[in-house]
N, C-alpha and C. Protein backbone atom coordinates (compact mmCIF):
# COMPACT_ATOMS: atom_id res chain seq x y z
N MET A 1 82.80 126.32 80.74
CA MET A 1 83.61 127.50 80.38
C MET A 1 83.00 128.72 79.95
N PHE A 2 81.56 128.32 79.03
CA PHE A 2 80.48 129.19 78.65
C PHE A 2 79.96 129.79 79.97
N GLU A 3 79.82 129.01 81.27
CA GLU A 3 79.15 129.62 82.30
C GLU A 3 80.09 130.13 82.90
N ALA A 4 81.52 129.91 82.75
CA ALA A 4 82.01 130.80 83.70
C ALA A 4 82.36 132.14 82.91
N LEU A 5 82.34 132.07 81.50
CA LEU A 5 82.16 133.57 80.59
C LEU A 5 80.86 134.26 81.15
N ALA A 6 80.06 133.21 81.19
CA ALA A 6 78.40 134.23 81.41
C ALA A 6 78.68 134.89 82.80
N ARG A 7 79.02 134.10 84.00
CA ARG A 7 79.39 134.52 85.42
C ARG A 7 80.34 135.78 85.39
N PHE A 8 81.52 135.93 84.22
CA PHE A 8 82.14 136.80 84.45
C PHE A 8 81.35 138.13 83.69
N ASP A 9 80.86 137.94 82.71
CA ASP A 9 79.90 138.96 82.09
C ASP A 9 78.88 139.76 82.68
N ILE A 10 77.90 138.61 83.65
CA ILE A 10 77.01 139.40 84.41
C ILE A 10 77.82 140.08 85.63
N ARG A 11 78.99 139.36 86.24
CA ARG A 11 79.56 140.45 87.50
C ARG A 11 80.13 141.55 86.95
N PHE A 12 80.94 141.66 85.83
CA PHE A 12 81.51 142.79 85.67
C PHE A 12 80.78 143.47 84.07
N ARG A 13 79.24 143.58 84.13
CA ARG A 13 78.60 144.02 82.87
C ARG A 13 79.21 145.34 82.67
N TRP A 14 78.60 146.22 83.81
CA TRP A 14 78.96 147.98 83.69
C TRP A 14 80.30 148.09 83.48
N VAL A 15 81.65 147.50 83.91
CA VAL A 15 82.59 147.76 83.08
C VAL A 15 83.01 147.37 81.57
N ILE A 16 82.57 145.77 81.69
CA ILE A 16 82.61 146.01 80.25
C ILE A 16 82.24 146.76 79.28
N VAL A 17 81.05 147.47 79.72
CA VAL A 17 80.19 148.70 78.81
C VAL A 17 81.29 149.89 79.00
N VAL A 18 81.56 150.28 79.91
CA VAL A 18 82.45 150.96 80.06
C VAL A 18 83.89 151.19 78.89
N VAL A 19 84.17 150.01 79.14
CA VAL A 19 85.79 149.60 78.52
C VAL A 19 85.49 149.76 77.16
N TRP A 20 84.25 149.34 76.70
CA TRP A 20 83.75 149.41 75.23
C TRP A 20 83.35 151.09 74.84
N ILE A 21 83.00 151.47 75.66
CA ILE A 21 82.85 153.14 75.25
C ILE A 21 84.14 154.03 74.91
N ILE A 22 84.96 153.53 76.07
CA ILE A 22 86.55 154.24 76.26
C ILE A 22 87.20 153.85 74.83
N ALA A 23 87.11 152.67 74.38
CA ALA A 23 87.77 152.29 73.35
C ALA A 23 87.04 152.64 71.97
N ALA A 24 86.15 153.22 72.20
CA ALA A 24 84.97 153.19 70.91
C ALA A 24 85.66 154.79 70.67
N ILE A 25 85.36 155.61 71.72
CA ILE A 25 86.02 157.07 71.62
C ILE A 25 87.42 157.06 71.52
N ALA A 26 88.10 156.38 72.02
CA ALA A 26 89.65 156.49 71.85
C ALA A 26 89.88 155.93 70.35
N LEU A 27 89.29 155.11 69.87
CA LEU A 27 89.82 154.58 68.46
C LEU A 27 89.08 155.54 67.26
N SER A 28 88.02 156.32 67.73
CA SER A 28 88.03 157.48 66.85
C SER A 28 88.63 158.45 66.86
N ARG A 29 89.45 158.67 67.50
CA ARG A 29 90.27 160.08 67.55
C ARG A 29 91.60 159.40 67.14
N LEU A 30 92.04 158.62 67.68
CA LEU A 30 93.25 157.74 66.98
C LEU A 30 93.57 157.27 65.66
N LEU A 31 92.55 156.81 65.28
CA LEU A 31 92.57 156.15 63.78
C LEU A 31 92.33 157.46 62.67
N PRO A 32 92.90 157.20 61.36
CA PRO A 32 92.48 158.36 60.50
C PRO A 32 91.26 158.46 60.24
N SER A 33 90.91 159.41 59.75
CA SER A 33 89.35 159.17 59.05
C SER A 33 89.23 158.49 57.74
N LEU A 34 88.16 158.20 57.48
CA LEU A 34 87.90 157.44 56.43
C LEU A 34 88.07 158.31 55.02
N SER A 35 87.94 159.69 55.24
CA SER A 35 88.29 160.47 53.95
C SER A 35 89.64 160.38 53.98
N SER A 36 90.40 160.68 54.82
CA SER A 36 91.71 160.70 54.31
C SER A 36 92.40 159.22 54.13
N VAL A 37 91.92 158.37 53.95
CA VAL A 37 92.30 156.84 53.83
C VAL A 37 92.14 156.74 52.47
N THR A 38 90.69 156.92 52.00
CA THR A 38 90.36 156.60 50.60
C THR A 38 90.57 157.81 49.60
N GLN A 39 91.05 157.36 48.63
CA GLN A 39 91.50 158.55 47.47
C GLN A 39 90.49 158.53 46.02
N SER A 40 89.92 159.91 45.64
CA SER A 40 89.37 159.75 44.69
C SER A 40 90.17 159.67 43.27
N ASN A 41 91.40 159.62 43.19
CA ASN A 41 91.99 159.38 41.88
C ASN A 41 92.87 158.38 42.13
N ASN A 42 92.14 157.13 41.09
CA ASN A 42 92.74 156.00 41.19
C ASN A 42 93.93 155.92 40.04
N ALA A 43 94.61 156.94 39.91
CA ALA A 43 95.52 157.22 38.89
C ALA A 43 96.69 156.21 39.81
N GLN A 44 97.08 156.36 40.91
CA GLN A 44 97.95 155.73 41.55
C GLN A 44 98.18 154.61 41.90
N LEU A 45 97.04 153.67 41.53
CA LEU A 45 97.03 152.26 41.56
C LEU A 45 97.90 151.52 40.12
N VAL A 46 98.92 150.62 40.74
CA VAL A 46 99.46 149.93 39.88
C VAL A 46 98.92 148.90 39.40
N TRP A 47 98.94 148.21 38.37
CA TRP A 47 98.19 147.00 37.98
C TRP A 47 99.54 146.26 37.67
N THR A 48 99.49 144.79 37.99
CA THR A 48 100.25 144.10 37.96
C THR A 48 99.68 143.04 37.13
N ARG A 49 100.56 142.37 35.99
CA ARG A 49 100.27 140.77 35.60
C ARG A 49 100.73 139.55 36.50
N LEU A 50 100.21 138.97 36.60
CA LEU A 50 100.49 137.86 37.50
C LEU A 50 100.99 136.40 36.24
């Protein structure tokens, strides 16, 4: 199984690199920025007791 995976990786190594680069660019544009996800105001947190 690992041998087949290694052969695939060697045969299509540049395609794999290009796909990773495209995915990194696409995700950086599609996902929200970290500053928009985090909040400096913790007053909105709701603490519950179990």
